[in-house]
Amino acid sequence: MADDLFDSRLTEHRNPRTRDIDLADALGIVDLINAEDADVPGAVHAERERIAEAIEIAVECFKRGGRLVYIGAGTSGRLGVLDATECPPTFGTNPEMVQGIIAGGAAALTRSQEGAEDRMEDGMAAVDEAKVGPDDFVFGIATSSTTPYVRAALARAAERGARTGLLCCTEPGDELRRLVDVCIVPLVGPEVIAGSTRMKAGTATKLVLNTLTTGAMIRLGKVYGNLMVDLQAWSEKLIDRSARIMMAATGCSREEALPCIDEAGGSLKLAVVMKNAGVGRGMAALYLAESDGFVRRALELARAIDDSDDPYRHYPIEPPDEGSLELVRAALLSVPDTLTELVSQVSNDRLSERPDSQKWCVKEHIEHLRVADHFFSGRITAVLDEDAPLLADRDDDVENREIFEGGAQDTAIAELIAKLVESRTALVELMEGTTAERWVRVGRHETFGPISVYQLLRHCIWHDHRHLEAIRRLVTD
């Protein structure tokens, strides 16, 4: 019998090492299959640069709001659907972000749909139905490289402007290589049983797809170290997993982990930043937004700001995205409510008591926040209305003395908070209608240099955090 079975495709060849497998006992069969499987990782490793290229394409598309769309037939299609469906529970992704399309539709997942892989028109229609566009990455899976359904789907995806890739286990030829942006070809050789590409080729496919999506998720900031932190604690299993990861990432106890995850709305990533940076949910969300979603970068940013004599230089000059503007607005407006919650059960004497003669009481901290609102509003207004106005340095000693002598200690707490609501509302109103060009307008600080409108607001939020923490210590110690 011919070793190539009269077919040029490597996946269809006859394996000379398993010619007599039908004579082997059970243990012999296991050893033969295992020996063949041992070569698969090496074949995948040989394609490491192409796999890395596919990861970068996927990340680029994801950042533009696009999708990774697997498309295949038979075993290849099923493995694509499997990898896609594993992404939401593993990495907390939207189910639309990674999708799997299989020839023959959902019925082909459990029952072979012979002939579906030959219908080119179905492959093109599937791409059209998915509304594939320039922001998407369509990744075909065809171990033999010749599946008409997949080839037609890739051609249509390219026509629609999508990025394209192909995974196969036999040489696809120059024409198909030119059709796609990246071609991954792990040559695993003939199968143990000729014609059964669910074996070595299937194993190689699973390894490549695992690496592709896991690598992309890592590059999107969905892990911290080697811990999955972009989890949403939606079930008992995920709550338990989130608690254990939280404990490993922060060193806290389980009793501390669960309330923090709950406070973060079930977001493990937010909870880790909140705990390790010692900030509330709003601040943690901002640090993540300004760090492209990476926990490690967010924590480094938080430390840099806290430790710096010039915190302004660590804030981004402009908002990272539209969502971060809403985070800024929410953080600013949340302060009066947070204060109300902190002081609601505290006596007036405690709120008026200074820890020593040189430090403010709770009421004076609140009055300082109101005064600071006017200070930030004035600077922002100047920057918006003038070209690079001079921002004079503050005289902390004078401002501190004015707070001590201003009578806040003898003012009702409700009145102080009401006045803060007014000043904070006025500050936030300066954001309304501000265009992208105006967010990056700068003033010239006589000590810190250029400071943008966004940086001023971000520093106000950090300033709020420091005083809220001081108030929290005064009412709980």
Protein backbone atom coordinates (compact mmCIF):
# COMPACT_ATOMS: atom_id res chain seq x y z
CA MET A 1 0.00 0.00 0.00
CA ALA A 2 1.26 3.50 -0.85
CA ASP A 3 2.33 5.65 2.09
CA ASP A 4 0.82 8.79 0.54
CA LEU A 5 -2.52 7.11 -0.20
CA PHE A 6 -2.36 8.90 -3.56
CA ASP A 7 -3.04 12.26 -1.88
CA SER A 8 -0.59 15.17 -1.57
CA ARG A 9 -2.05 16.37 1.76
CA LEU A 10 0.17 15.34 4.66
CA THR A 11 -2.79 14.79 6.98
CA GLU A 12 -4.09 12.13 4.57
CA HIS A 13 -0.87 10.13 4.36
CA ARG A 14 -0.36 6.70 5.87
CA ASN A 15 1.84 6.57 8.98
CA PRO A 16 4.65 3.99 8.55
CA ARG A 17 5.15 3.77 12.32
CA THR A 18 1.64 2.47 12.98
CA ARG A 19 1.17 0.04 10.10
CA ASP A 20 0.66 -2.88 12.47
CA ILE A 21 -1.41 -1.12 15.13
CA ASP A 22 -4.26 -3.52 14.40
CA LEU A 23 -2.06 -6.31 15.82
CA ALA A 24 -1.22 -4.46 19.05
CA ASP A 25 -2.82 -5.12 22.44
CA ALA A 26 -4.40 -2.27 24.43
CA LEU A 27 -1.13 -1.21 26.05
CA GLY A 28 0.66 -1.29 22.71
CA ILE A 29 -2.04 0.93 21.16
CA VAL A 30 -1.64 3.43 24.02
CA ASP A 31 2.13 3.50 23.55
CA LEU A 32 1.90 4.01 19.78
CA ILE A 33 -0.62 6.83 20.07
CA ASN A 34 1.34 8.48 22.88
CA ALA A 35 4.58 8.31 20.88
CA GLU A 36 2.90 10.09 17.97
CA ASP A 37 1.29 12.70 20.22
CA ALA A 38 4.71 13.52 21.69
CA ASP A 39 5.71 15.17 18.41
CA VAL A 40 2.77 17.59 18.37
CA PRO A 41 4.16 20.26 20.77
CA GLY A 42 7.33 20.49 18.70
CA ALA A 43 5.33 21.07 15.52
CA VAL A 44 3.33 23.80 17.27
CA HIS A 45 6.52 25.37 18.66
CA ALA A 46 7.92 25.60 15.13
CA GLU A 47 5.04 27.98 14.34
CA ARG A 48 5.60 30.17 17.42
CA GLU A 49 6.28 33.36 15.45
CA ARG A 50 3.13 32.98 13.38
CA ILE A 51 1.08 32.24 16.50
CA ALA A 52 2.50 35.38 18.15
CA GLU A 53 1.56 37.38 15.04
CA ALA A 54 -1.99 36.05 15.26
CA ILE A 55 -2.15 37.08 18.93
CA GLU A 56 -1.14 40.64 18.04
CA ILE A 57 -3.72 40.81 15.25
CA ALA A 58 -6.42 39.61 17.62
CA VAL A 59 -5.42 42.17 20.27
CA GLU A 60 -5.40 44.96 17.70
CA CYS A 61 -8.92 44.01 16.59
CA PHE A 62 -10.21 43.65 20.14
CA LYS A 63 -8.93 47.12 21.03
CA ARG A 64 -10.90 48.55 18.13
CA GLY A 65 -14.03 46.83 19.41
CA GLY A 66 -13.79 43.97 16.91
CA ARG A 67 -14.11 40.22 17.29
CA LEU A 68 -12.15 37.03 16.78
CA VAL A 69 -14.32 34.76 14.63
CA TYR A 70 -13.29 31.12 14.22
CA ILE A 71 -14.71 29.32 11.20
CA GLY A 72 -14.32 25.64 10.38
CA ALA A 73 -15.99 22.35 9.55
CA GLY A 74 -16.17 19.04 11.39
CA THR A 75 -13.61 18.59 14.18
CA SER A 76 -11.93 21.89 13.27
CA GLY A 77 -15.21 23.78 13.58
CA ARG A 78 -16.07 22.09 16.87
CA LEU A 79 -12.70 23.00 18.37
CA GLY A 80 -13.19 26.62 17.29
CA VAL A 81 -16.61 26.76 18.93
CA LEU A 82 -15.19 25.10 22.06
CA ASP A 83 -12.39 27.64 22.41
CA ALA A 84 -14.80 30.52 21.84
CA THR A 85 -17.27 29.31 24.46
CA GLU A 86 -14.52 28.88 27.04
CA CYS A 87 -13.49 32.55 26.90
CA PRO A 88 -16.41 34.16 28.82
CA PRO A 89 -16.19 31.95 31.93
CA THR A 90 -12.38 31.97 31.91
CA PHE A 91 -11.68 35.62 31.17
CA GLY A 92 -14.98 37.40 31.78
CA THR A 93 -15.35 38.39 28.12
CA ASN A 94 -18.54 39.32 26.33
CA PRO A 95 -19.78 36.21 24.43
CA GLU A 96 -19.67 38.28 21.22
CA MET A 97 -15.95 38.94 21.55
CA VAL A 98 -14.79 35.47 20.46
CA GLN A 99 -17.18 33.49 18.28
CA GLY A 100 -17.15 30.11 16.60
CA ILE A 101 -18.89 29.31 13.32
CA ILE A 102 -19.18 25.72 12.14
CA ALA A 103 -20.32 24.41 8.76
CA GLY A 104 -23.78 22.92 9.15
CA GLY A 105 -24.69 25.15 12.09
CA ALA A 106 -25.42 24.14 15.68
CA ALA A 107 -26.53 20.63 14.66
CA ALA A 108 -22.96 19.91 13.47
CA LEU A 109 -21.66 20.24 17.02
CA THR A 110 -23.13 16.88 18.02
CA ARG A 111 -23.81 15.13 14.74
CA SER A 112 -21.73 15.02 11.58
CA GLN A 113 -23.19 17.11 8.77
CA GLU A 114 -21.53 15.47 5.78
CA GLY A 115 -21.34 17.69 2.74
CA ALA A 116 -21.64 20.94 4.73
CA GLU A 117 -17.91 21.57 4.39
CA ASP A 118 -18.19 21.52 0.58
CA ARG A 119 -20.74 24.31 0.28
CA MET A 120 -18.73 27.41 -0.52
CA GLU A 121 -21.83 29.57 -0.68
CA ASP A 122 -22.61 28.67 2.95
CA GLY A 123 -19.15 29.82 4.06
CA MET A 124 -19.63 33.17 2.37
CA ALA A 125 -23.16 33.51 3.75
CA ALA A 126 -21.93 32.78 7.28
CA VAL A 127 -19.45 35.65 7.07
CA ASP A 128 -22.15 37.98 5.73
CA GLU A 129 -24.60 36.90 8.42
CA ALA A 130 -22.00 37.62 11.13
CA LYS A 131 -21.62 41.13 9.67
CA VAL A 132 -17.85 40.74 9.56
CA GLY A 133 -16.05 44.05 9.06
CA PRO A 134 -12.63 45.75 9.14
CA ASP A 135 -12.36 45.54 12.94
CA ASP A 136 -12.73 41.74 12.98
CA PHE A 137 -10.20 38.90 12.76
CA VAL A 138 -11.63 35.88 10.92
CA PHE A 139 -9.55 32.79 11.66
CA GLY A 140 -10.15 29.74 9.52
CA ILE A 141 -9.41 26.24 10.80
CA ALA A 142 -8.95 23.50 8.20
CA THR A 143 -6.38 20.85 9.05
CA SER A 144 -6.24 19.65 5.43
CA SER A 145 -6.13 23.30 4.20
CA THR A 146 -8.56 22.47 1.39
CA THR A 147 -12.01 22.76 3.02
CA PRO A 148 -14.13 24.73 0.50
CA TYR A 149 -16.41 26.19 3.21
CA VAL A 150 -13.44 27.68 5.06
CA ARG A 151 -11.58 28.92 1.99
CA ALA A 152 -14.69 30.69 0.69
CA ALA A 153 -15.39 32.20 4.12
CA LEU A 154 -11.84 33.60 4.33
CA ALA A 155 -12.09 35.06 0.82
CA ARG A 156 -15.38 36.78 1.70
CA ALA A 157 -13.98 38.06 5.01
CA ALA A 158 -11.03 39.58 3.15
CA GLU A 159 -13.45 41.23 0.70
CA ARG A 160 -15.26 42.78 3.66
CA GLY A 161 -11.99 44.26 4.96
CA ALA A 162 -11.42 41.89 7.90
CA ARG A 163 -8.03 40.62 9.02
CA THR A 164 -7.72 36.91 8.27
CA GLY A 165 -5.77 33.88 9.44
CA LEU A 166 -5.63 30.16 8.75
CA LEU A 167 -4.62 27.16 10.82
CA CYS A 168 -3.89 23.95 8.94
CA CYS A 169 -1.65 20.92 9.33
CA THR A 170 -0.60 20.46 5.72
CA GLU A 171 1.06 22.90 3.34
CA PRO A 172 -1.70 25.22 2.05
CA GLY A 173 0.06 26.48 -1.05
CA ASP A 174 1.09 29.98 -2.08
CA GLU A 175 -2.34 31.10 -3.23
CA LEU A 176 -3.98 30.46 0.15
CA ARG A 177 -1.03 31.90 2.04
CA ARG A 178 -1.41 35.12 0.05
CA LEU A 179 -5.11 35.26 0.85
CA VAL A 180 -4.63 35.51 4.63
CA ASP A 181 -2.66 37.83 6.89
CA VAL A 182 -1.17 34.99 8.93
CA CYS A 183 -0.92 31.27 8.19
CA ILE A 184 -0.12 28.82 11.01
CA VAL A 185 0.97 25.39 9.78
CA PRO A 186 2.04 22.91 12.47
CA LEU A 187 3.16 19.89 10.44
CA VAL A 188 2.28 17.03 12.77
CA GLY A 189 2.67 14.38 10.06
CA PRO A 190 0.42 11.45 9.19
CA GLU A 191 -2.13 10.42 11.77
CA VAL A 192 -1.97 7.24 13.82
CA ILE A 193 -5.02 6.10 11.85
CA ALA A 194 -5.04 7.45 8.30
CA GLY A 195 -7.88 9.91 7.75
CA SER A 196 -8.55 10.58 11.45
CA THR A 197 -7.52 14.23 11.72
CA ARG A 198 -9.28 14.57 15.05
CA MET A 199 -6.13 13.05 16.58
CA LYS A 200 -2.72 14.74 16.16
CA ALA A 201 -4.10 17.51 13.97
CA GLY A 202 -6.93 18.05 16.47
CA THR A 203 -4.47 18.16 19.37
CA ALA A 204 -2.31 20.70 17.52
CA THR A 205 -5.42 22.76 16.76
CA LYS A 206 -6.43 22.81 20.43
CA LEU A 207 -2.91 23.86 21.47
CA VAL A 208 -2.81 26.69 18.94
CA LEU A 209 -6.29 28.00 19.77
CA ASN A 210 -5.58 27.81 23.51
CA THR A 211 -2.41 29.84 22.98
CA LEU A 212 -4.08 32.34 20.65
CA THR A 213 -6.95 33.32 22.94
CA THR A 214 -4.98 33.01 26.19
CA GLY A 215 -2.15 35.09 24.73
CA ALA A 216 -4.58 37.74 23.51
CA MET A 217 -6.30 37.92 26.90
CA ILE A 218 -2.95 38.31 28.65
CA ARG A 219 -2.05 41.13 26.26
CA LEU A 220 -5.39 42.77 27.09
CA GLY A 221 -4.61 42.82 30.81
CA LYS A 222 -6.91 40.04 31.92
CA VAL A 223 -4.31 38.43 34.18
CA TYR A 224 -2.18 39.63 37.10
CA GLY A 225 1.03 37.63 37.18
CA ASN A 226 -0.33 34.24 36.20
CA LEU A 227 -3.66 34.75 37.99
CA MET A 228 -6.95 35.13 36.14
CA VAL A 229 -8.31 38.36 37.58
CA ASP A 230 -10.88 39.43 35.01
CA LEU A 231 -13.53 37.25 36.61
CA GLN A 232 -17.08 38.11 37.55
CA ALA A 233 -18.19 36.15 40.62
CA TRP A 234 -21.54 34.98 39.23
CA SER A 235 -21.74 31.43 40.61
CA GLU A 236 -20.67 29.56 43.72
CA LYS A 237 -17.70 28.06 41.85
CA LEU A 238 -16.57 31.45 40.54
CA ILE A 239 -17.11 33.10 43.94
CA ASP A 240 -14.85 30.48 45.50
CA ARG A 241 -12.25 30.82 42.74
CA SER A 242 -12.35 34.62 42.98
CA ALA A 243 -11.81 34.48 46.74
CA ARG A 244 -8.81 32.16 46.39
CA ILE A 245 -7.24 34.30 43.65
CA MET A 246 -7.92 37.43 45.70
CA MET A 247 -6.13 35.87 48.67
CA ALA A 248 -3.14 34.93 46.49
CA ALA A 249 -2.99 38.36 44.80
CA THR A 250 -3.32 40.49 47.94
CA GLY A 251 -2.32 38.31 50.90
CA CYS A 252 -5.68 38.92 52.59
CA SER A 253 -7.82 36.32 54.35
CA ARG A 254 -10.93 34.75 52.85
CA GLU A 255 -13.01 36.74 55.33
CA GLU A 256 -11.49 39.95 53.95
CA ALA A 257 -11.61 38.85 50.31
CA LEU A 258 -15.33 38.18 49.96
CA PRO A 259 -16.61 41.58 51.21
CA CYS A 260 -14.06 43.38 49.01
CA ILE A 261 -15.17 41.43 45.93
CA ASP A 262 -18.78 42.24 46.81
CA GLU A 263 -17.92 45.94 47.18
CA ALA A 264 -16.29 45.78 43.73
CA GLY A 265 -19.58 44.58 42.23
CA GLY A 266 -18.24 41.05 41.76
CA SER A 267 -15.25 42.24 39.71
CA LEU A 268 -12.12 40.46 40.94
CA LYS A 269 -9.85 42.80 38.96
CA LEU A 270 -11.34 45.87 40.65
CA ALA A 271 -11.17 44.19 44.05
CA VAL A 272 -7.46 43.40 43.69
CA VAL A 273 -6.64 47.02 42.82
CA MET A 274 -8.88 48.32 45.61
CA LYS A 275 -7.19 46.12 48.20
CA ASN A 276 -3.58 46.48 47.07
CA ALA A 277 -3.79 50.22 46.37
CA GLY A 278 -5.98 50.97 49.38
CA VAL A 279 -8.58 52.86 47.33
CA GLY A 280 -12.31 52.76 46.71
CA ARG A 281 -14.08 51.33 43.70
CA GLY A 282 -14.13 54.57 41.70
CA MET A 283 -10.40 55.23 42.14
CA ALA A 284 -9.55 51.62 41.30
CA ALA A 285 -11.62 51.83 38.11
CA LEU A 286 -9.78 55.01 37.10
CA TYR A 287 -6.37 53.51 37.75
CA LEU A 288 -7.32 50.54 35.56
CA ALA A 289 -8.71 52.76 32.79
CA GLU A 290 -5.51 54.80 32.80
CA SER A 291 -3.39 51.63 32.72
CA ASP A 292 -5.06 49.99 29.72
CA GLY A 293 -6.80 47.51 32.01
CA PHE A 294 -3.61 45.99 33.46
CA VAL A 295 -3.68 45.37 37.22
CA ARG A 296 0.10 45.51 37.60
CA ARG A 297 0.32 48.84 35.77
CA ALA A 298 -2.61 50.23 37.77
CA LEU A 299 -0.87 49.39 41.06
CA GLU A 300 2.40 50.88 39.81
CA LEU A 301 0.52 54.06 38.85
CA ALA A 302 -1.14 54.28 42.25
CA ARG A 303 2.21 53.88 44.03
CA ALA A 304 3.92 56.42 41.76
CA ILE A 305 1.25 59.05 42.44
CA ASP A 306 1.28 58.45 46.20
CA ASP A 307 5.08 58.61 46.42
CA SER A 308 5.68 61.54 44.08
CA ASP A 309 6.34 65.18 44.90
CA ASP A 310 4.83 65.93 41.49
CA PRO A 311 1.78 63.67 41.12
CA TYR A 312 0.53 65.59 38.06
CA ARG A 313 3.19 64.05 35.82
CA HIS A 314 1.82 60.56 36.48
CA TYR A 315 -1.74 61.37 35.36
CA PRO A 316 -2.48 61.02 31.65
CA ILE A 317 -2.77 64.34 29.83
CA GLU A 318 -6.11 63.35 28.31
CA PRO A 319 -8.91 60.90 29.20
CA PRO A 320 -8.06 57.35 28.02
CA ASP A 321 -11.60 56.93 26.64
CA GLU A 322 -15.18 58.12 26.99
CA GLY A 323 -15.82 55.68 29.81
CA SER A 324 -13.09 57.23 31.95
CA LEU A 325 -14.86 60.61 31.81
CA GLU A 326 -17.93 59.06 33.38
CA LEU A 327 -15.69 57.50 36.03
CA VAL A 328 -14.24 60.94 36.79
CA ARG A 329 -17.70 62.48 37.02
CA ALA A 330 -18.99 59.68 39.25
CA ALA A 331 -15.94 59.85 41.53
CA LEU A 332 -16.32 63.60 42.02
CA LEU A 333 -20.06 63.45 42.70
CA SER A 334 -19.80 60.49 45.09
CA VAL A 335 -17.85 62.39 47.77
CA PRO A 336 -20.77 64.04 49.62
CA ASP A 337 -22.63 60.72 49.86
CA THR A 338 -19.49 58.96 51.08
CA LEU A 339 -19.02 61.64 53.73
CA THR A 340 -22.65 61.39 54.83
CA GLU A 341 -22.26 57.65 55.29
CA LEU A 342 -19.02 58.09 57.25
CA VAL A 343 -20.38 60.66 59.71
CA SER A 344 -24.01 59.60 60.05
CA GLN A 345 -23.49 57.68 63.30
CA VAL A 346 -20.76 59.90 64.76
CA SER A 347 -21.43 62.40 67.56
CA ASN A 348 -21.02 66.13 67.02
CA ASP A 349 -18.31 66.24 69.68
CA ARG A 350 -16.30 63.60 67.82
CA LEU A 351 -16.72 65.44 64.52
CA SER A 352 -15.50 68.68 66.12
CA GLU A 353 -12.58 67.19 68.02
CA ARG A 354 -9.10 67.89 66.70
CA PRO A 355 -6.63 64.99 67.17
CA ASP A 356 -4.10 67.61 68.28
CA SER A 357 -3.68 71.37 68.04
CA GLN A 358 -1.96 71.16 64.64
CA LYS A 359 -4.44 68.86 62.89
CA TRP A 360 -7.93 69.36 61.55
CA CYS A 361 -11.09 67.79 62.90
CA VAL A 362 -13.56 66.02 60.61
CA LYS A 363 -15.57 69.19 59.96
CA GLU A 364 -12.45 71.10 58.98
CA HIS A 365 -11.45 68.41 56.51
CA ILE A 366 -14.87 68.74 54.88
CA GLU A 367 -14.58 72.53 54.75
CA HIS A 368 -11.15 72.14 53.15
CA LEU A 369 -12.68 69.97 50.40
CA ARG A 370 -15.21 72.73 49.69
CA VAL A 371 -12.47 75.36 49.51
CA ALA A 372 -10.43 73.08 47.26
CA ASP A 373 -13.40 72.77 44.89
CA HIS A 374 -13.31 76.53 44.31
CA PHE A 375 -9.54 76.35 43.85
CA PHE A 376 -9.80 73.61 41.20
CA SER A 377 -12.77 75.30 39.52
CA GLY A 378 -10.82 78.53 39.24
CA ARG A 379 -7.83 76.84 37.67
CA ILE A 380 -9.91 74.83 35.22
CA THR A 381 -11.88 77.92 34.19
CA ALA A 382 -8.65 79.83 33.61
CA VAL A 383 -7.19 77.04 31.48
CA LEU A 384 -10.37 76.74 29.42
CA ASP A 385 -10.67 80.49 28.87
CA GLU A 386 -7.02 81.51 28.41
CA ASP A 387 -4.03 80.23 26.48
CA ALA A 388 -1.57 78.55 28.86
CA PRO A 389 -2.33 80.75 31.91
CA LEU A 390 0.13 80.84 34.81
CA LEU A 391 -0.98 78.65 37.73
CA ALA A 392 0.59 80.00 40.88
CA ASP A 393 1.88 77.66 43.56
CA ARG A 394 -0.31 77.27 46.63
CA ASP A 395 0.67 78.58 50.06
CA ASP A 396 -0.28 75.60 52.22
CA ASP A 397 0.47 77.39 55.51
CA VAL A 398 -1.91 80.25 54.71
CA GLU A 399 -4.67 77.90 53.51
CA ASN A 400 -4.31 75.64 56.54
CA ARG A 401 -4.53 78.61 58.92
CA GLU A 402 -7.64 79.90 57.15
CA ILE A 403 -9.34 76.54 57.70
CA PHE A 404 -8.40 76.57 61.40
CA GLU A 405 -9.79 80.09 61.81
CA GLY A 406 -12.80 79.72 59.53
CA GLY A 407 -15.32 78.47 62.08
CA ALA A 408 -16.05 75.07 60.50
CA GLN A 409 -15.48 73.42 63.88
CA ASP A 410 -18.63 75.10 65.20
CA THR A 411 -20.74 74.63 62.04
CA ALA A 412 -23.41 71.92 61.76
CA ILE A 413 -22.19 68.91 59.77
CA ALA A 414 -25.29 68.95 57.54
CA GLU A 415 -24.57 72.54 56.55
CA LEU A 416 -20.95 71.75 55.70
CA ILE A 417 -21.95 68.81 53.50
CA ALA A 418 -24.70 70.85 51.81
CA LYS A 419 -22.16 73.54 50.91
CA LEU A 420 -19.82 70.84 49.58
CA VAL A 421 -22.63 69.51 47.37
CA GLU A 422 -22.99 73.01 45.86
CA SER A 423 -19.28 73.46 45.22
CA ARG A 424 -18.88 69.95 43.85
CA THR A 425 -21.87 70.33 41.52
CA ALA A 426 -20.36 73.54 40.16
CA LEU A 427 -17.02 71.81 39.59
CA VAL A 428 -18.60 68.91 37.72
CA GLU A 429 -20.66 71.29 35.58
CA LEU A 430 -17.39 72.56 34.11
CA MET A 431 -17.03 69.13 32.48
CA GLU A 432 -20.33 69.35 30.64
CA GLY A 433 -19.87 69.81 26.91
CA THR A 434 -16.08 69.83 27.15
CA THR A 435 -14.65 68.58 23.85
CA ALA A 436 -11.61 66.33 23.40
CA GLU A 437 -9.53 69.35 22.36
CA ARG A 438 -10.41 71.23 25.55
CA TRP A 439 -9.53 68.34 27.88
CA VAL A 440 -5.89 68.67 26.82
CA ARG A 441 -5.67 72.46 27.19
CA VAL A 442 -2.92 73.28 29.68
CA GLY A 443 -1.93 75.88 32.21
CA ARG A 444 1.68 76.53 33.21
CA HIS A 445 2.26 75.71 36.86
CA GLU A 446 5.20 77.67 38.26
CA THR A 447 6.56 74.52 39.94
CA PHE A 448 5.17 71.53 38.04
CA GLY A 449 5.10 72.89 34.51
CA PRO A 450 2.24 72.20 32.02
CA ILE A 451 -0.92 70.73 33.59
CA SER A 452 -3.99 69.78 31.52
CA VAL A 453 -7.65 70.12 32.45
CA TYR A 454 -7.93 66.35 32.82
CA GLN A 455 -4.89 66.25 35.11
CA LEU A 456 -6.43 68.94 37.33
CA LEU A 457 -9.63 66.91 37.75
CA ARG A 458 -7.68 63.71 38.37
CA HIS A 459 -5.66 65.42 41.07
CA CYS A 460 -8.87 66.63 42.68
CA ILE A 461 -10.04 63.00 42.90
CA TRP A 462 -6.74 61.91 44.43
CA HIS A 463 -6.96 64.85 46.86
CA ASP A 464 -10.50 63.72 47.81
CA HIS A 465 -9.20 60.22 48.49
CA ARG A 466 -6.49 61.43 50.85
CA HIS A 467 -8.91 63.50 52.92
CA LEU A 468 -11.60 60.82 52.97
CA GLU A 469 -9.03 58.40 54.36
CA ALA A 470 -8.05 60.95 57.03
CA ILE A 471 -11.72 61.40 57.97
CA ARG A 472 -12.25 57.64 58.05
CA ARG A 473 -9.39 57.27 60.53
CA LEU A 474 -10.77 60.07 62.72
CA VAL A 475 -14.22 58.50 62.99
CA THR A 476 -13.04 54.91 63.48
CA ASP A 477 -9.90 55.13 65.63
